Structure formats: C-alpha cells, structure tokens
Amino acid sequence: MPIYEYVSDAPGETGRSCRVCSRGFELRRPVDRPALKACPLCKNPVRKVISRVNTPRIAKPLSVTDAKKAGFTVLEKRDQGVYEKL
C-alpha cells in the first residue's frame, strides 16, 4: 500500500485546523480509494502533497561478483533462447 501525505489547505486562515493537519500527516491507503477531502480529526479541508521518491543511486553497473554477493543469479546468453548460469 502506498503512503500518501496530506496537509491542511489553509491552516492559518481558518484558525480551526488541528496541529496534525496544519503540520501535515502521512496515511497508508489502498490505491483504489479516492484521496481524502477532510482531516480525519478536525474535518477541515486537506490536500494531497506530492513528495519525493527515494530511489537508490548506483554510480556504476554491478559486476558479476558484486551481483553474486548481493544474492542475484547471473545468467549469460549462449544461443537463441539458451542461457547459462555463471
């Protein structure tokens, strides 16, 4: 299940928003459910925030020995549809 981040639409204007939605909160929800429209605690309007995605940074491609150490099975193509385990 993905994690969605929400923050209050106008935390300073209404004065009624709780400290949870004014600072923002995370919520695990199924993908098929619609986005929240209101804070679950204070019922003020909230909006979904787009956050950064954490991806690993690999400076160089993995060598065969590095891949084996990481637990991957390394195969090499020999013929049409024939692979050999290294």
PDB file of N, CA and C in Angstrom:
ATOM      1  N   MET A   1       0.832  -1.170   0.000  1.00  0.00           N
ATOM      2  CA  MET A   1       0.000   0.000   0.000  1.00  0.00           C
ATOM      3  C   MET A   1       0.886   1.245   0.000  1.00  0.00           C
ATOM      4  N   PRO A   2       0.557   2.215  -0.832  1.00  0.00           N
ATOM      5  CA  PRO A   2       1.356   3.437  -0.865  1.00  0.00           C
ATOM      6  C   PRO A   2       1.059   4.333   0.332  1.00  0.00           C
ATOM      7  N   ILE A   3       2.020   5.194   0.627  1.00  0.00           N
ATOM      8  CA  ILE A   3       1.871   6.172   1.694  1.00  0.00           C
ATOM      9  C   ILE A   3       1.585   7.524   1.053  1.00  0.00           C
ATOM     10  N   TYR A   4       0.496   8.157   1.449  1.00  0.00           N
ATOM     11  CA  TYR A   4       0.116   9.470   0.932  1.00  0.00           C
ATOM     12  C   TYR A   4       0.345  10.516   2.009  1.00  0.00           C
ATOM     13  N   GLU A   5       0.774  11.702   1.593  1.00  0.00           N
ATOM     14  CA  GLU A   5       0.971  12.806   2.525  1.00  0.00           C
ATOM     15  C   GLU A   5      -0.122  13.844   2.296  1.00  0.00           C
ATOM     16  N   TYR A   6      -0.661  14.352   3.385  1.00  0.00           N
ATOM     17  CA  TYR A   6      -1.717  15.360   3.327  1.00  0.00           C
ATOM     18  C   TYR A   6      -1.327  16.543   4.210  1.00  0.00           C
ATOM     19  N   VAL A   7      -1.794  17.739   3.815  1.00  0.00           N
ATOM     20  CA  VAL A   7      -1.586  18.937   4.614  1.00  0.00           C
ATOM     21  C   VAL A   7      -2.849  19.789   4.497  1.00  0.00           C
ATOM     22  N   SER A   8      -3.102  20.617   5.509  1.00  0.00           N
ATOM     23  CA  SER A   8      -4.286  21.462   5.517  1.00  0.00           C
ATOM     24  C   SER A   8      -4.228  22.471   4.375  1.00  0.00           C
ATOM     25  N   ASP A   9      -5.380  22.736   3.746  1.00  0.00           N
ATOM     26  CA  ASP A   9      -5.455  23.702   2.647  1.00  0.00           C
ATOM     27  C   ASP A   9      -5.083  25.100   3.097  1.00  0.00           C
ATOM     28  N   ALA A  10      -5.625  25.536   4.202  1.00  0.00           N
ATOM     29  CA  ALA A  10      -5.363  26.890   4.698  1.00  0.00           C
ATOM     30  C   ALA A  10      -5.255  26.860   6.213  1.00  0.00           C
ATOM     31  N   PRO A  11      -4.110  26.437   6.764  1.00  0.00           N
ATOM     32  CA  PRO A  11      -4.020  26.295   8.217  1.00  0.00           C
ATOM     33  C   PRO A  11      -4.107  27.613   8.961  1.00  0.00           C
ATOM     34  N   GLY A  12      -3.625  28.706   8.362  1.00  0.00           N
ATOM     35  CA  GLY A  12      -3.625  29.976   9.059  1.00  0.00           C
ATOM     36  C   GLY A  12      -4.938  30.725   8.940  1.00  0.00           C
ATOM     37  N   GLU A  13      -5.651  30.526   7.852  1.00  0.00           N
ATOM     38  CA  GLU A  13      -6.870  31.292   7.602  1.00  0.00           C
ATOM     39  C   GLU A  13      -8.025  30.860   8.505  1.00  0.00           C
ATOM     40  N   THR A  14      -8.225  29.566   8.640  1.00  0.00           N
ATOM     41  CA  THR A  14      -9.399  29.106   9.381  1.00  0.00           C
ATOM     42  C   THR A  14      -9.202  29.238  10.883  1.00  0.00           C
ATOM     43  N   GLY A  15      -7.998  28.973  11.358  1.00  0.00           N
ATOM     44  CA  GLY A  15      -7.747  29.030  12.787  1.00  0.00           C
ATOM     45  C   GLY A  15      -8.298  27.835  13.525  1.00  0.00           C
ATOM     46  N   ARG A  16      -9.028  26.973  12.834  1.00  0.00           N
ATOM     47  CA  ARG A  16      -9.644  25.818  13.474  1.00  0.00           C
ATOM     48  C   ARG A  16      -8.900  24.526  13.184  1.00  0.00           C
ATOM     49  N   SER A  17      -7.900  24.564  12.318  1.00  0.00           N
ATOM     50  CA  SER A  17      -7.224  23.318  11.955  1.00  0.00           C
ATOM     51  C   SER A  17      -6.434  22.792  13.141  1.00  0.00           C
ATOM     52  N   CYS A  18      -6.417  21.492  13.272  1.00  0.00           N
ATOM     53  CA  CYS A  18      -5.686  20.877  14.374  1.00  0.00           C
ATOM     54  C   CYS A  18      -4.192  20.880  14.063  1.00  0.00           C
ATOM     55  N   ARG A  19      -3.382  20.571  15.050  1.00  0.00           N
ATOM     56  CA  ARG A  19      -1.942  20.607  14.817  1.00  0.00           C
ATOM     57  C   ARG A  19      -1.470  19.455  13.939  1.00  0.00           C
ATOM     58  N   VAL A  20      -2.270  18.416  13.794  1.00  0.00           N
ATOM     59  CA  VAL A  20      -1.905  17.298  12.919  1.00  0.00           C
ATOM     60  C   VAL A  20      -1.967  17.711  11.463  1.00  0.00           C
ATOM     61  N   CYS A  21      -3.081  18.288  11.032  1.00  0.00           N
ATOM     62  CA  CYS A  21      -3.211  18.629   9.613  1.00  0.00           C
ATOM     63  C   CYS A  21      -2.484  19.929   9.267  1.00  0.00           C
ATOM     64  N   SER A  22      -2.246  20.800  10.229  1.00  0.00           N
ATOM     65  CA  SER A  22      -1.505  22.021   9.913  1.00  0.00           C
ATOM     66  C   SER A  22      -0.036  21.715   9.644  1.00  0.00           C
ATOM     67  N   ARG A  23       0.529  20.711  10.318  1.00  0.00           N
ATOM     68  CA  ARG A  23       1.908  20.294  10.056  1.00  0.00           C
ATOM     69  C   ARG A  23       1.985  19.272   8.931  1.00  0.00           C
ATOM     70  N   GLY A  24       0.908  18.593   8.656  1.00  0.00           N
ATOM     71  CA  GLY A  24       0.880  17.548   7.640  1.00  0.00           C
ATOM     72  C   GLY A  24       0.933  16.174   8.281  1.00  0.00           C
ATOM     73  N   PHE A  25       0.373  15.187   7.596  1.00  0.00           N
ATOM     74  CA  PHE A  25       0.369  13.827   8.123  1.00  0.00           C
ATOM     75  C   PHE A  25       0.453  12.837   6.974  1.00  0.00           C
ATOM     76  N   GLU A  26       0.895  11.627   7.290  1.00  0.00           N
ATOM     77  CA  GLU A  26       1.009  10.540   6.316  1.00  0.00           C
ATOM     78  C   GLU A  26      -0.072   9.518   6.607  1.00  0.00           C
ATOM     79  N   LEU A  27      -0.548   8.887   5.529  1.00  0.00           N
ATOM     80  CA  LEU A  27      -1.617   7.911   5.676  1.00  0.00           C
ATOM     81  C   LEU A  27      -1.419   6.802   4.659  1.00  0.00           C
ATOM     82  N   ARG A  28      -1.494   5.556   5.106  1.00  0.00           N
ATOM     83  CA  ARG A  28      -1.417   4.414   4.185  1.00  0.00           C
ATOM     84  C   ARG A  28      -2.820   4.090   3.721  1.00  0.00           C
ATOM     85  N   ARG A  29      -3.011   4.132   2.402  1.00  0.00           N
ATOM     86  CA  ARG A  29      -4.334   3.865   1.830  1.00  0.00           C
ATOM     87  C   ARG A  29      -4.182   3.017   0.583  1.00  0.00           C
ATOM     88  N   PRO A  30      -5.160   2.183   0.274  1.00  0.00           N
ATOM     89  CA  PRO A  30      -5.124   1.433  -0.981  1.00  0.00           C
ATOM     90  C   PRO A  30      -5.193   2.395  -2.170  1.00  0.00           C
ATOM     91  N   VAL A  31      -4.660   1.967  -3.290  1.00  0.00           N
ATOM     92  CA  VAL A  31      -4.606   2.799  -4.485  1.00  0.00           C
ATOM     93  C   VAL A  31      -5.995   3.090  -5.024  1.00  0.00           C
ATOM     94  N   ASP A  32      -6.904   2.145  -4.901  1.00  0.00           N
ATOM     95  CA  ASP A  32      -8.236   2.320  -5.493  1.00  0.00           C
ATOM     96  C   ASP A  32      -9.145   3.253  -4.694  1.00  0.00           C
ATOM     97  N   ARG A  33      -8.740   3.679  -3.505  1.00  0.00           N
ATOM     98  CA  ARG A  33      -9.551   4.606  -2.721  1.00  0.00           C
ATOM     99  C   ARG A  33      -9.308   6.039  -3.167  1.00  0.00           C
ATOM    100  N   PRO A  34     -10.328   6.885  -3.153  1.00  0.00           N
ATOM    101  CA  PRO A  34     -10.126   8.294  -3.530  1.00  0.00           C
ATOM    102  C   PRO A  34      -9.338   9.043  -2.455  1.00  0.00           C
ATOM    103  N   ALA A  35      -8.755  10.167  -2.848  1.00  0.00           N
ATOM    104  CA  ALA A  35      -7.969  10.983  -1.915  1.00  0.00           C
ATOM    105  C   ALA A  35      -8.870  11.580  -0.839  1.00  0.00           C
ATOM    106  N   LEU A  36      -8.296  11.828   0.337  1.00  0.00           N
ATOM    107  CA  LEU A  36      -9.060  12.453   1.416  1.00  0.00           C
ATOM    108  C   LEU A  36      -9.415  13.887   1.045  1.00  0.00           C
ATOM    109  N   LYS A  37     -10.555  14.317   1.466  1.00  0.00           N
ATOM    110  CA  LYS A  37     -11.001  15.702   1.262  1.00  0.00           C
ATOM    111  C   LYS A  37     -10.949  16.491   2.559  1.00  0.00           C
ATOM    112  N   ALA A  38     -11.009  15.789   3.712  1.00  0.00           N
ATOM    113  CA  ALA A  38     -11.044  16.455   5.011  1.00  0.00           C
ATOM    114  C   ALA A  38     -10.155  15.710   5.996  1.00  0.00           C
ATOM    115  N   CYS A  39      -9.646  16.441   6.973  1.00  0.00           N
ATOM    116  CA  CYS A  39      -8.825  15.859   8.034  1.00  0.00           C
ATOM    117  C   CYS A  39      -9.678  14.893   8.850  1.00  0.00           C
ATOM    118  N   PRO A  40      -9.159  13.698   9.193  1.00  0.00           N
ATOM    119  CA  PRO A  40      -9.966  12.749   9.977  1.00  0.00           C
ATOM    120  C   PRO A  40     -10.287  13.250  11.387  1.00  0.00           C
ATOM    121  N   LEU A  41      -9.459  14.161  11.935  1.00  0.00           N
ATOM    122  CA  LEU A  41      -9.700  14.639  13.299  1.00  0.00           C
ATOM    123  C   LEU A  41     -10.573  15.888  13.369  1.00  0.00           C
ATOM    124  N   CYS A  42     -10.180  16.943  12.615  1.00  0.00           N
ATOM    125  CA  CYS A  42     -10.885  18.228  12.761  1.00  0.00           C
ATOM    126  C   CYS A  42     -11.831  18.526  11.601  1.00  0.00           C
ATOM    127  N   LYS A  43     -11.859  17.685  10.575  1.00  0.00           N
ATOM    128  CA  LYS A  43     -12.763  17.804   9.419  1.00  0.00           C
ATOM    129  C   LYS A  43     -12.525  19.045   8.557  1.00  0.00           C
ATOM    130  N   ASN A  44     -11.358  19.700   8.700  1.00  0.00           N
ATOM    131  CA  ASN A  44     -11.012  20.816   7.818  1.00  0.00           C
ATOM    132  C   ASN A  44     -10.515  20.272   6.489  1.00  0.00           C
ATOM    133  N   PRO A  45     -10.630  21.041   5.398  1.00  0.00           N
ATOM    134  CA  PRO A  45     -10.180  20.541   4.096  1.00  0.00           C
ATOM    135  C   PRO A  45      -8.668  20.321   4.059  1.00  0.00           C
ATOM    136  N   VAL A  46      -8.267  19.220   3.422  1.00  0.00           N
ATOM    137  CA  VAL A  46      -6.846  18.904   3.245  1.00  0.00           C
ATOM    138  C   VAL A  46      -6.585  18.615   1.775  1.00  0.00           C
ATOM    139  N   ARG A  47      -5.310  18.714   1.399  1.00  0.00           N
ATOM    140  CA  ARG A  47      -4.917  18.386   0.025  1.00  0.00           C
ATOM    141  C   ARG A  47      -3.754  17.401   0.072  1.00  0.00           C
ATOM    142  N   LYS A  48      -3.680  16.588  -0.970  1.00  0.00           N
ATOM    143  CA  LYS A  48      -2.617  15.596  -1.078  1.00  0.00           C
ATOM    144  C   LYS A  48      -1.354  16.295  -1.566  1.00  0.00           C
ATOM    145  N   VAL A  49      -0.212  15.973  -0.948  1.00  0.00           N
ATOM    146  CA  VAL A  49       1.070  16.583  -1.286  1.00  0.00           C
ATOM    147  C   VAL A  49       1.886  15.573  -2.084  1.00  0.00           C
ATOM    148  N   ILE A  50       2.498  16.035  -3.159  1.00  0.00           N
ATOM    149  CA  ILE A  50       3.394  15.183  -3.939  1.00  0.00           C
ATOM    150  C   ILE A  50       4.754  15.214  -3.259  1.00  0.00           C
ATOM    151  N   SER A  51       5.262  14.061  -2.886  1.00  0.00           N
ATOM    152  CA  SER A  51       6.552  14.010  -2.205  1.00  0.00           C
ATOM    153  C   SER A  51       7.602  13.368  -3.098  1.00  0.00           C
ATOM    154  N   ARG A  52       8.849  13.516  -2.704  1.00  0.00           N
ATOM    155  CA  ARG A  52       9.948  12.954  -3.462  1.00  0.00           C
ATOM    156  C   ARG A  52       9.975  11.440  -3.304  1.00  0.00           C
ATOM    157  N   VAL A  53      10.459  10.780  -4.321  1.00  0.00           N
ATOM    158  CA  VAL A  53      10.582   9.332  -4.306  1.00  0.00           C
ATOM    159  C   VAL A  53      12.011   8.979  -3.955  1.00  0.00           C
ATOM    160  N   ASN A  54      12.183   8.044  -3.059  1.00  0.00           N
ATOM    161  CA  ASN A  54      13.515   7.622  -2.661  1.00  0.00           C
ATOM    162  C   ASN A  54      13.970   6.491  -3.570  1.00  0.00           C
ATOM    163  N   THR A  55      14.959   6.761  -4.400  1.00  0.00           N
ATOM    164  CA  THR A  55      15.496   5.746  -5.293  1.00  0.00           C
ATOM    165  C   THR A  55      16.972   5.554  -4.996  1.00  0.00           C
ATOM    166  N   PRO A  56      17.461   4.343  -5.090  1.00  0.00           N
ATOM    167  CA  PRO A  56      18.886   4.123  -4.846  1.00  0.00           C
ATOM    168  C   PRO A  56      19.726   4.715  -5.968  1.00  0.00           C
ATOM    169  N   ARG A  57      20.877   5.208  -5.602  1.00  0.00           N
ATOM    170  CA  ARG A  57      21.781   5.772  -6.599  1.00  0.00           C
ATOM    171  C   ARG A  57      22.959   4.813  -6.784  1.00  0.00           C
ATOM    172  N   ILE A  58      23.106   4.343  -7.990  1.00  0.00           N
ATOM    173  CA  ILE A  58      24.205   3.439  -8.314  1.00  0.00           C
ATOM    174  C   ILE A  58      25.105   4.168  -9.291  1.00  0.00           C
ATOM    175  N   ALA A  59      26.349   4.364  -8.886  1.00  0.00           N
ATOM    176  CA  ALA A  59      27.280   5.127  -9.716  1.00  0.00           C
ATOM    177  C   ALA A  59      27.803   4.302 -10.885  1.00  0.00           C
ATOM    178  N   LYS A  60      27.912   3.008 -10.698  1.00  0.00           N
ATOM    179  CA  LYS A  60      28.432   2.141 -11.755  1.00  0.00           C
ATOM    180  C   LYS A  60      27.582   0.877 -11.818  1.00  0.00           C
ATOM    181  N   PRO A  61      27.581   0.204 -12.960  1.00  0.00           N
ATOM    182  CA  PRO A  61      26.823  -1.050 -13.030  1.00  0.00           C
ATOM    183  C   PRO A  61      27.465  -2.130 -12.162  1.00  0.00           C
ATOM    184  N   LEU A  62      26.645  -3.042 -11.681  1.00  0.00           N
ATOM    185  CA  LEU A  62      27.158  -4.122 -10.841  1.00  0.00           C
ATOM    186  C   LEU A  62      27.999  -5.092 -11.668  1.00  0.00           C
ATOM    187  N   SER A  63      29.098  -5.530 -11.097  1.00  0.00           N
ATOM    188  CA  SER A  63      29.899  -6.561 -11.758  1.00  0.00           C
ATOM    189  C   SER A  63      29.284  -7.921 -11.435  1.00  0.00           C
ATOM    190  N   VAL A  64      29.769  -8.953 -12.071  1.00  0.00           N
ATOM    191  CA  VAL A  64      29.251 -10.307 -11.851  1.00  0.00           C
ATOM    192  C   VAL A  64      29.479 -10.720 -10.402  1.00  0.00           C
ATOM    193  N   THR A  65      30.656 -10.437  -9.863  1.00  0.00           N
ATOM    194  CA  THR A  65      30.929 -10.825  -8.470  1.00  0.00           C
ATOM    195  C   THR A  65      30.078 -10.026  -7.487  1.00  0.00           C
ATOM    196  N   ASP A  66      29.878  -8.736  -7.760  1.00  0.00           N
ATOM    197  CA  ASP A  66      29.018  -7.931  -6.890  1.00  0.00           C
ATOM    198  C   ASP A  66      27.581  -8.434  -6.927  1.00  0.00           C
ATOM    199  N   ALA A  67      27.093  -8.806  -8.099  1.00  0.00           N
ATOM    200  CA  ALA A  67      25.734  -9.322  -8.232  1.00  0.00           C
ATOM    201  C   ALA A  67      25.582 -10.639  -7.489  1.00  0.00           C
ATOM    202  N   LYS A  68      26.583 -11.513  -7.575  1.00  0.00           N
ATOM    203  CA  LYS A  68      26.521 -12.792  -6.856  1.00  0.00           C
ATOM    204  C   LYS A  68      26.543 -12.571  -5.348  1.00  0.00           C
ATOM    205  N   LYS A  69      27.375 -11.622  -4.880  1.00  0.00           N
ATOM    206  CA  LYS A  69      27.432 -11.319  -3.444  1.00  0.00           C
ATOM    207  C   LYS A  69      26.100 -10.771  -2.938  1.00  0.00           C
ATOM    208  N   ALA A  70      25.387 -10.045  -3.803  1.00  0.00           N
ATOM    209  CA  ALA A  70      24.086  -9.484  -3.424  1.00  0.00           C
ATOM    210  C   ALA A  70      22.971 -10.526  -3.470  1.00  0.00           C
ATOM    211  N   GLY A  71      23.271 -11.733  -3.954  1.00  0.00           N
ATOM    212  CA  GLY A  71      22.282 -12.807  -3.962  1.00  0.00           C
ATOM    213  C   GLY A  71      21.564 -13.007  -5.278  1.00  0.00           C
ATOM    214  N   PHE A  72      22.004 -12.343  -6.344  1.00  0.00           N
ATOM    215  CA  PHE A  72      21.374 -12.496  -7.646  1.00  0.00           C
ATOM    216  C   PHE A  72      21.965 -13.689  -8.390  1.00  0.00           C
ATOM    217  N   THR A  73      21.176 -14.291  -9.251  1.00  0.00           N
ATOM    218  CA  THR A  73      21.653 -15.341 -10.145  1.00  0.00           C
ATOM    219  C   THR A  73      22.051 -14.664 -11.450  1.00  0.00           C
ATOM    220  N   VAL A  74      23.284 -14.897 -11.872  1.00  0.00           N
ATOM    221  CA  VAL A  74      23.796 -14.256 -13.078  1.00  0.00           C
ATOM    222  C   VAL A  74      23.741 -15.264 -14.222  1.00  0.00           C
ATOM    223  N   LEU A  75      23.070 -14.871 -15.306  1.00  0.00           N
ATOM    224  CA  LEU A  75      22.940 -15.715 -16.487  1.00  0.00           C
ATOM    225  C   LEU A  75      23.601 -15.020 -17.673  1.00  0.00           C
ATOM    226  N   GLU A  76      24.158 -15.839 -18.576  1.00  0.00           N
ATOM    227  CA  GLU A  76      24.761 -15.311 -19.793  1.00  0.00           C
ATOM    228  C   GLU A  76      24.118 -15.999 -20.985  1.00  0.00           C
ATOM    229  N   LYS A  77      23.773 -15.225 -22.009  1.00  0.00           N
ATOM    230  CA  LYS A  77      23.106 -15.775 -23.186  1.00  0.00           C
ATOM    231  C   LYS A  77      24.125 -16.499 -24.056  1.00  0.00           C
ATOM    232  N   ARG A  78      23.839 -17.760 -24.390  1.00  0.00           N
ATOM    233  CA  ARG A  78      24.739 -18.553 -25.232  1.00  0.00           C
ATOM    234  C   ARG A  78      24.211 -18.666 -26.662  1.00  0.00           C
ATOM    235  N   ASP A  79      22.968 -19.069 -26.832  1.00  0.00           N
ATOM    236  CA  ASP A  79      22.338 -19.234 -28.137  1.00  0.00           C
ATOM    237  C   ASP A  79      20.966 -18.593 -28.092  1.00  0.00           C
ATOM    238  N   GLN A  80      20.205 -18.823 -29.166  1.00  0.00           N
ATOM    239  CA  GLN A  80      18.850 -18.313 -29.246  1.00  0.00           C
ATOM    240  C   GLN A  80      18.003 -18.931 -28.148  1.00  0.00           C
ATOM    241  N   GLY A  81      17.676 -18.193 -27.086  1.00  0.00           N
ATOM    242  CA  GLY A  81      16.848 -18.685 -26.011  1.00  0.00           C
ATOM    243  C   GLY A  81      17.544 -19.608 -25.033  1.00  0.00           C
ATOM    244  N   VAL A  82      18.865 -19.732 -25.115  1.00  0.00           N
ATOM    245  CA  VAL A  82      19.615 -20.606 -24.215  1.00  0.00           C
ATOM    246  C   VAL A  82      20.513 -19.726 -23.324  1.00  0.00           C
ATOM    247  N   TYR A  83      20.366 -19.887 -22.019  1.00  0.00           N
ATOM    248  CA  TYR A  83      21.174 -19.128 -21.060  1.00  0.00           C
ATOM    249  C   TYR A  83      21.959 -20.097 -20.201  1.00  0.00           C
ATOM    250  N   GLU A  84      23.123 -19.668 -19.766  1.00  0.00           N
ATOM    251  CA  GLU A  84      23.975 -20.487 -18.912  1.00  0.00           C
ATOM    252  C   GLU A  84      24.232 -19.738 -17.617  1.00  0.00           C
ATOM    253  N   LYS A  85      24.126 -20.457 -16.517  1.00  0.00           N
ATOM    254  CA  LYS A  85      24.366 -19.855 -15.211  1.00  0.00           C
ATOM    255  C   LYS A  85      25.862 -19.679 -14.990  1.00  0.00           C
ATOM    256  N   LEU A  86      26.278 -18.500 -14.573  1.00  0.00           N
ATOM    257  CA  LEU A  86      27.704 -18.243 -14.313  1.00  0.00           C
ATOM    258  C   LEU A  86      28.066 -18.561 -12.893  1.00  0.00           C
TER     259      LEU A  86
END
